[in-house]
Protein backbone atom coordinates (compact mmCIF):
# COMPACT_ATOMS: atom_id res chain seq x y z
CA MET A 1 9.09 25.39 -0.19
CA ARG A 2 10.37 23.56 -3.23
CA ILE A 3 10.86 19.81 -2.79
CA GLY A 4 12.56 17.59 -5.36
CA TYR A 5 11.17 14.07 -5.70
CA PHE A 6 13.44 11.37 -7.09
CA ILE A 7 11.76 8.09 -7.97
CA PRO A 8 12.63 4.59 -9.28
CA PRO A 9 12.22 3.71 -12.98
CA ALA A 10 8.64 3.05 -14.14
CA PRO A 11 8.82 -0.79 -14.13
CA LEU A 12 9.91 -0.72 -10.46
CA ARG A 13 7.10 1.51 -9.24
CA ALA A 14 4.06 0.03 -11.04
CA GLY A 15 0.94 -0.07 -8.90
CA GLY A 16 1.04 1.23 -5.34
CA LEU A 17 4.36 3.09 -5.40
CA ASP A 18 3.47 5.03 -8.53
CA LEU A 19 0.06 5.86 -7.06
CA ALA A 20 1.57 6.98 -3.75
CA ILE A 21 4.04 9.34 -5.42
CA ALA A 22 1.39 10.76 -7.75
CA GLY A 23 -0.93 11.40 -4.78
CA LEU A 24 1.74 13.25 -2.83
CA ALA A 25 2.72 15.36 -5.85
CA ARG A 26 -0.94 16.22 -6.48
CA GLU A 27 -2.01 17.02 -2.92
CA LEU A 28 0.94 18.66 -1.20
CA PRO A 29 0.92 21.87 -3.29
CA LEU A 30 -2.29 22.65 -1.38
CA ALA A 31 -0.08 22.83 1.73
CA GLY A 32 2.15 25.45 0.06
CA LEU A 33 4.72 22.92 -1.14
CA GLU A 34 6.03 22.89 -4.69
CA ILE A 35 6.72 19.28 -5.63
CA VAL A 36 9.10 18.80 -8.57
CA VAL A 37 9.30 15.20 -9.75
CA GLU A 38 12.71 14.31 -11.18
CA PRO A 39 14.11 17.86 -11.34
CA ALA A 40 16.92 18.33 -13.81
CA THR A 41 19.08 20.00 -11.15
CA LEU A 42 19.22 20.40 -7.37
CA ASP A 43 19.46 24.18 -7.77
CA GLY A 44 16.62 26.05 -6.07
CA LEU A 45 15.40 23.11 -3.98
CA ASP A 46 14.78 23.42 -0.24
CA ALA A 47 14.85 19.66 0.35
CA VAL A 48 15.02 16.38 -1.55
CA HIS A 49 12.84 13.30 -1.11
CA LEU A 50 14.24 9.95 -2.27
CA HIS A 51 11.47 7.41 -2.88
CA GLY A 52 12.55 3.79 -2.57
CA LEU A 53 15.90 2.04 -2.25
CA TRP A 54 18.38 0.03 -4.30
CA GLN A 55 18.94 2.81 -6.85
CA PRO A 56 22.65 3.50 -7.49
CA ARG A 57 21.89 7.04 -8.68
CA PHE A 58 20.26 7.80 -5.29
CA ILE A 59 23.67 7.24 -3.71
CA ARG A 60 25.14 9.86 -6.03
CA LEU A 61 22.21 12.20 -5.32
CA ALA A 62 22.61 11.82 -1.56
CA ARG A 63 26.32 12.57 -1.87
CA GLU A 64 25.60 15.72 -3.90
CA CYS A 65 22.95 16.82 -1.38
CA ARG A 66 25.50 16.52 1.43
CA ARG A 67 28.07 18.45 -0.57
CA ARG A 68 25.58 21.29 -1.02
CA GLY A 69 24.29 21.17 2.56
CA LEU A 70 20.85 20.19 1.25
CA ARG A 71 18.78 17.97 3.52
CA TYR A 72 17.08 14.89 2.11
CA VAL A 73 14.31 12.56 3.30
CA VAL A 74 14.15 8.86 2.41
CA SER A 75 10.96 6.78 2.07
CA PRO A 76 11.89 3.07 1.95
CA HIS A 77 8.32 2.26 0.78
CA GLY A 78 8.41 -1.17 2.37
CA MET A 79 11.69 -2.21 0.76
CA LEU A 80 13.21 -3.07 4.15
CA GLU A 81 10.19 -4.99 5.46
CA PRO A 82 11.08 -8.52 6.68
CA TRP A 83 9.56 -10.27 3.64
CA ALA A 84 11.28 -7.89 1.20
CA TRP A 85 14.58 -8.15 3.09
CA ARG A 86 14.52 -11.95 2.83
CA HIS A 87 13.76 -11.82 -0.91
CA ARG A 88 17.12 -12.09 -2.72
CA TRP A 89 18.88 -11.33 0.55
CA TRP A 90 22.16 -12.59 -0.86
CA LYS A 91 22.21 -9.62 -3.27
CA LYS A 92 20.82 -7.01 -0.87
CA TRP A 93 22.96 -7.77 2.16
CA PRO A 94 26.37 -6.69 0.82
CA TYR A 95 24.96 -3.74 -1.17
CA PHE A 96 23.01 -2.51 1.86
CA TYR A 97 25.95 -2.55 4.25
CA LEU A 98 28.49 -1.24 1.76
CA ARG A 99 26.40 1.57 0.19
CA GLU A 100 22.69 1.87 1.05
CA ARG A 101 23.02 2.12 4.82
CA SER A 102 25.17 5.24 4.54
CA VAL A 103 22.47 7.01 2.49
CA LEU A 104 19.85 6.21 5.13
CA ASN A 105 22.05 7.12 8.10
CA ARG A 106 22.83 10.56 6.68
CA ALA A 107 19.26 11.51 5.79
CA GLY A 108 17.45 14.34 7.52
CA ALA A 109 14.63 11.90 8.35
CA LEU A 110 13.26 8.51 7.32
CA LEU A 111 9.58 8.44 6.44
CA ALA A 112 7.44 5.38 7.26
CA THR A 113 3.80 5.10 6.21
CA SER A 114 2.69 3.12 9.28
CA ARG A 115 3.82 2.12 12.75
CA ILE A 116 4.51 -1.40 11.55
CA GLU A 117 7.00 -0.06 8.98
CA ALA A 118 8.51 2.34 11.52
CA SER A 119 8.99 -0.54 13.97
CA ASN A 120 10.72 -2.64 11.32
CA LEU A 121 12.99 0.26 10.39
CA ARG A 122 14.03 0.73 14.04
CA ARG A 123 15.52 -2.76 14.00
CA PHE A 124 18.29 -1.40 11.78
CA ARG A 125 19.22 1.29 14.34
CA PHE A 126 19.47 4.10 11.79
CA SER A 127 20.74 7.48 12.98
CA PRO A 128 17.94 9.78 11.69
CA SER A 129 14.52 10.16 13.26
CA ILE A 130 11.84 7.88 11.84
CA VAL A 131 8.65 9.81 11.08
CA THR A 132 5.32 8.04 10.65
CA LEU A 133 2.82 9.53 8.20
CA PRO A 134 0.14 7.54 6.33
CA LEU A 135 -0.73 8.04 2.70
CA GLY A 136 -4.03 9.68 1.86
CA LEU A 137 -7.02 9.13 -0.41
CA THR A 138 -6.06 8.72 -4.06
CA CYS A 139 -9.14 10.52 -5.45
CA SER A 140 -12.67 11.62 -4.50
CA LYS A 141 -14.51 8.41 -5.46
CA GLN A 142 -17.29 7.30 -3.12
CA VAL A 143 -19.74 4.43 -2.64
CA SER A 144 -21.51 3.37 -5.85
CA TYR A 145 -22.35 -0.28 -5.29
CA LYS A 146 -25.43 -0.87 -7.44
CA GLU A 147 -24.29 1.30 -10.33
CA ALA A 148 -20.86 -0.34 -10.47
CA ARG A 149 -22.32 -3.86 -10.46
CA ALA A 150 -24.77 -2.99 -13.20
CA GLY A 151 -21.93 -1.69 -15.36
CA LEU A 152 -19.89 -4.85 -14.79
CA GLY A 153 -22.78 -7.23 -15.37
CA TRP A 154 -22.63 -8.80 -11.91
CA ALA A 155 -25.96 -10.26 -10.77
CA ALA A 156 -27.53 -8.86 -7.61
CA HIS A 157 -27.54 -12.27 -5.90
CA GLU A 158 -23.84 -12.98 -6.53
CA PHE A 159 -21.32 -12.52 -3.73
CA VAL A 160 -18.27 -11.13 -5.54
CA LEU A 161 -14.81 -11.54 -4.05
CA LEU A 162 -12.24 -9.22 -5.64
CA TYR A 163 -8.48 -9.52 -5.85
CA LEU A 164 -7.07 -6.39 -7.50
CA SER A 165 -3.31 -6.18 -7.17
CA ARG A 166 -0.08 -7.51 -8.64
CA LEU A 167 0.01 -11.28 -9.01
CA HIS A 168 3.15 -11.79 -6.98
CA PRO A 169 3.97 -14.47 -4.40
CA LYS A 170 4.23 -11.77 -1.71
CA LYS A 171 0.56 -10.85 -2.23
CA GLY A 172 -0.61 -14.37 -1.30
CA MET A 173 -3.13 -15.11 -4.04
CA HIS A 174 -2.24 -18.81 -3.75
CA LEU A 175 -3.32 -18.68 -0.10
CA LEU A 176 -6.71 -17.31 -1.12
CA LEU A 177 -7.20 -20.10 -3.67
CA ALA A 178 -6.26 -22.74 -1.09
CA ALA A 179 -8.71 -21.27 1.44
CA LEU A 180 -11.53 -21.07 -1.09
CA THR A 181 -10.93 -24.65 -2.25
CA SER A 182 -11.74 -25.92 1.23
CA LEU A 183 -15.04 -23.99 1.40
CA ASN A 184 -16.75 -25.60 -1.64
CA LEU A 185 -18.71 -22.48 -2.51
CA ASP A 186 -21.66 -22.63 -4.90
CA PRO A 187 -20.37 -21.30 -8.27
CA ASP A 188 -23.81 -19.88 -9.01
CA ALA A 189 -23.78 -17.78 -5.85
CA TYR A 190 -20.12 -16.78 -5.60
CA ARG A 191 -17.64 -15.28 -8.02
CA LEU A 192 -13.93 -14.52 -7.64
CA VAL A 193 -12.68 -11.70 -9.85
CA VAL A 194 -8.90 -11.50 -10.24
CA VAL A 195 -7.63 -8.23 -11.73
CA GLY A 196 -3.87 -8.13 -12.10
CA ASP A 197 -0.75 -9.47 -13.73
CA GLY A 198 2.71 -10.45 -12.61
CA PRO A 199 5.56 -12.90 -13.15
CA GLU A 200 4.54 -15.45 -15.77
CA ALA A 201 5.68 -18.46 -13.74
CA TYR A 202 3.60 -17.45 -10.72
CA THR A 203 0.54 -16.63 -12.84
CA ARG A 204 0.76 -20.06 -14.49
CA ARG A 205 1.03 -21.65 -11.05
CA LEU A 206 -2.15 -19.90 -9.88
CA LYS A 207 -4.11 -20.99 -12.93
CA ARG A 208 -2.91 -24.57 -12.53
CA ILE A 209 -4.15 -24.55 -8.94
CA ALA A 210 -7.49 -23.13 -10.06
CA LYS A 211 -7.89 -25.70 -12.81
CA ALA A 212 -6.98 -28.63 -10.56
CA ASN A 213 -9.56 -27.52 -7.98
CA GLN A 214 -12.22 -26.25 -10.37
CA ALA A 215 -14.98 -28.38 -8.85
CA GLN A 216 -14.43 -26.90 -5.38
CA LEU A 217 -13.93 -23.27 -6.41
CA PRO A 218 -16.42 -20.55 -7.31
CA ARG A 219 -16.43 -19.08 -10.79
CA ILE A 220 -13.15 -17.23 -11.43
CA ASP A 221 -12.76 -14.33 -13.85
CA TRP A 222 -9.10 -13.72 -14.74
CA LEU A 223 -8.72 -10.13 -15.96
CA PRO A 224 -5.66 -8.07 -16.97
CA ALA A 225 -4.21 -5.45 -14.65
CA VAL A 226 -6.09 -2.16 -14.35
CA TRP A 227 -4.32 0.75 -12.60
CA ASP A 228 -6.33 3.70 -13.93
CA ASP A 229 -9.83 4.92 -12.99
CA ARG A 230 -11.43 1.81 -14.50
CA LYS A 231 -10.44 -0.06 -11.33
CA TRP A 232 -13.02 1.86 -9.30
CA SER A 233 -15.99 -0.02 -10.73
CA TYR A 234 -14.46 -3.27 -9.44
CA LEU A 235 -13.68 -1.77 -6.03
CA GLN A 236 -17.14 -0.21 -5.68
CA GLY A 237 -19.09 -3.24 -6.88
CA ALA A 238 -17.31 -6.02 -4.98
CA ASP A 239 -18.73 -7.56 -1.82
CA LEU A 240 -15.30 -8.35 -0.39
CA PHE A 241 -11.84 -7.12 -1.33
CA CYS A 242 -9.17 -9.75 -0.67
CA LEU A 243 -5.46 -9.08 -0.18
CA PRO A 244 -4.00 -12.11 1.69
CA THR A 245 -0.53 -10.60 1.68
CA TYR A 246 2.65 -11.66 3.45
CA SER A 247 3.80 -8.04 3.80
CA GLU A 248 2.49 -4.50 3.25
CA ASN A 249 4.06 -1.38 4.70
CA PHE A 250 0.79 0.45 3.94
CA GLY A 251 -1.54 -1.09 1.36
CA LEU A 252 -3.07 1.61 -0.85
CA ALA A 253 -5.40 -0.95 -2.44
CA ILE A 254 -6.92 -1.59 1.01
CA LEU A 255 -7.39 2.15 1.51
CA GLU A 256 -9.14 2.44 -1.86
CA ALA A 257 -11.47 -0.48 -1.14
CA CYS A 258 -12.44 1.06 2.21
CA GLN A 259 -12.91 4.43 0.51
CA ALA A 260 -15.45 2.72 -1.77
CA GLY A 261 -17.20 1.21 1.26
CA THR A 262 -16.13 -2.33 0.39
CA PRO A 263 -15.17 -4.63 3.28
CA VAL A 264 -11.65 -6.06 3.23
CA LEU A 265 -10.07 -9.38 4.09
CA THR A 266 -6.34 -9.04 4.66
CA THR A 267 -3.65 -10.22 7.06
CA ARG A 268 -1.92 -9.08 10.23
CA GLU A 269 1.14 -8.28 8.11
CA THR A 270 -0.53 -5.00 7.13
CA PRO A 271 -1.14 -1.90 9.30
CA TRP A 272 -4.93 -2.22 8.96
CA VAL A 273 -5.73 -4.50 11.89
CA GLU A 274 -7.16 -1.86 14.22
CA PHE A 275 -9.03 0.10 11.54
CA LEU A 276 -10.75 -2.98 10.09
CA GLY A 277 -11.48 -4.34 13.55
CA ARG A 278 -13.45 -1.18 14.38
CA HIS A 279 -15.77 -2.14 11.52
CA GLY A 280 -16.22 -5.73 12.61
CA LEU A 281 -13.89 -7.21 9.98
CA PRO A 282 -11.63 -10.09 11.03
CA VAL A 283 -7.97 -10.01 10.05
CA ALA A 284 -6.21 -13.27 9.18
CA GLY A 285 -2.74 -14.63 9.61
CA PRO A 286 -0.76 -15.11 6.37
CA ASP A 287 -1.72 -18.77 5.99
CA ALA A 288 -4.52 -20.64 4.22
CA GLU A 289 -6.14 -21.99 7.39
CA SER A 290 -6.47 -18.59 9.04
CA ILE A 291 -7.74 -17.03 5.82
CA ARG A 292 -10.30 -19.82 5.50
CA GLY A 293 -11.55 -19.11 9.03
CA CYS A 294 -11.96 -15.39 8.37
CA LEU A 295 -13.63 -16.04 5.02
CA THR A 296 -16.10 -18.38 6.73
CA ARG A 297 -17.07 -15.68 9.25
CA ILE A 298 -17.46 -13.01 6.58
CA LEU A 299 -19.44 -15.19 4.16
CA GLN A 300 -21.74 -16.43 6.91
CA ALA A 301 -22.56 -12.79 7.77
CA GLY A 302 -23.49 -12.17 4.12
CA LYS A 303 -23.31 -8.93 2.18
CA MET A 304 -22.54 -5.78 4.09
CA HIS A 305 -25.60 -3.55 4.60
CA PRO A 306 -25.56 -0.27 2.63
CA VAL A 307 -25.47 1.73 5.87
CA GLN A 308 -22.37 -0.17 6.99
CA ARG A 309 -20.71 0.43 3.63
CA ALA A 310 -21.45 4.15 3.95
CA ASN A 311 -20.02 4.20 7.50
CA LEU A 312 -16.84 2.44 6.36
CA ALA A 313 -16.37 4.92 3.51
CA SER A 314 -17.06 7.88 5.79
CA ALA A 315 -14.57 6.71 8.43
CA THR A 316 -11.93 6.24 5.74
CA ARG A 317 -12.42 9.79 4.47
CA ARG A 318 -12.20 11.18 7.99
CA GLU A 319 -8.94 9.44 8.83
CA PHE A 320 -7.18 9.54 5.47
CA GLY A 321 -8.47 12.74 3.89
CA TRP A 322 -5.58 14.90 2.74
CA GLU A 323 -6.84 17.93 4.64
CA HIS A 324 -5.74 16.09 7.81
CA LEU A 325 -2.43 14.83 6.43
CA ARG A 326 -0.95 17.80 4.54
CA PRO A 327 0.20 19.72 7.67
CA GLY A 328 2.27 16.73 8.80
CA TYR A 329 4.05 16.50 5.47
CA ARG A 330 4.77 20.22 5.51
CA SER A 331 6.22 19.90 9.01
CA LEU A 332 8.38 17.02 7.79
CA TYR A 333 9.95 19.03 4.98
CA GLU A 334 10.30 22.21 7.04
CA ALA A 335 12.18 20.37 9.75
CA ALA A 336 14.28 18.38 7.29
CA SER A 337 15.45 21.56 5.60
CA GLU A 338 15.90 23.51 8.86
CA PHE A 339 18.07 21.14 10.84
CA GLY A 340 21.55 20.45 9.59
CA VAL A 341 22.32 17.37 11.65
CA PRO A 342 20.73 13.98 10.79
CA GLY A 343 18.56 12.67 13.60
CA THR A 344 17.51 16.11 14.94
CA PHE A 345 14.10 16.06 13.30
CA ARG A 346 11.38 17.06 15.76
CA GLY A 347 8.54 18.27 13.54
CA PRO A 348 5.21 18.95 15.30
CA ASN A 349 2.04 16.89 14.81
CA VAL A 350 3.57 14.39 12.42
CA ASN A 351 3.20 10.91 13.87
CA ARG A 352 -0.33 9.57 13.38
CA GLU A 353 0.16 6.71 15.83
CA ASN A 354 -3.49 5.63 15.72
CA PHE A 355 -2.89 3.97 12.35
CA ASN A 356 -1.74 0.48 13.14
CA HIS A 357 -2.15 -2.32 15.62
């Protein structure tokens, strides 16, 4: 089968979305699928996959697909999650109801990456079936704690908290700073490493908060964004990965931290509650007080034992290895191209309902 992928412009897919699309394009050919990213024509395609929303050209593409009788799948990639929907709602509301909704209602299927996203999509009462399939591992990296720390120059006694993501209000970095301020951690024993960039106004706000509370905060290293393989040293060497987000439809950064065996602190607004709970990791609400409480529990327990890190990494590979996920994606595209009426998708073995709370 030949599947055409259409994606947003580069500035709109930096970070997780770019990584998700690259992973699918790399792994799905092993399931007998030919993935063509941004094909010049729709000729010769068996199905089309539109990644993301709010792209005027996707409306034209969907219209051309319908004219040709070519089925298409839409992945909203979290762009209809409650937090995202509220952000600039005054622009999205009219565009959605006048143009975007029609594209979604006439799709062969809508693809969600977790039950939490699928549940949020059902609120819109779209016509097509909503299929739930998680994303998979982004590469073959494994646990390498001591080696990574040595390369980064982190002392063995330091407890390193890592934030590696976009610096955006949605990601909640300001909540993490507020929680840490109230803990008065010893700067000789604790270090916060922030790897990322984002809107200049928000970044300035974070640094002002850090400066004003310098006496109560651990040492903070502010580092530029890293999206390539250099990020793995940070993920492997950290003692705790922190993503205090207000909203994640999936959270590839969380998957990568778990793949490296690094424990994670995140919020209930992600689909990772059950998975992290199985490994004894508390999940916070998206507020400073709840994050402070979870941080206190984690820091009191100390560094995760190497055996626990290995178990976390092994469980992540078992659940999110592509060998388990490829058949579901193949079923998705086979059904989307086979059935001519939106909403008739009934592909076998597609919904991995264990991934969520």
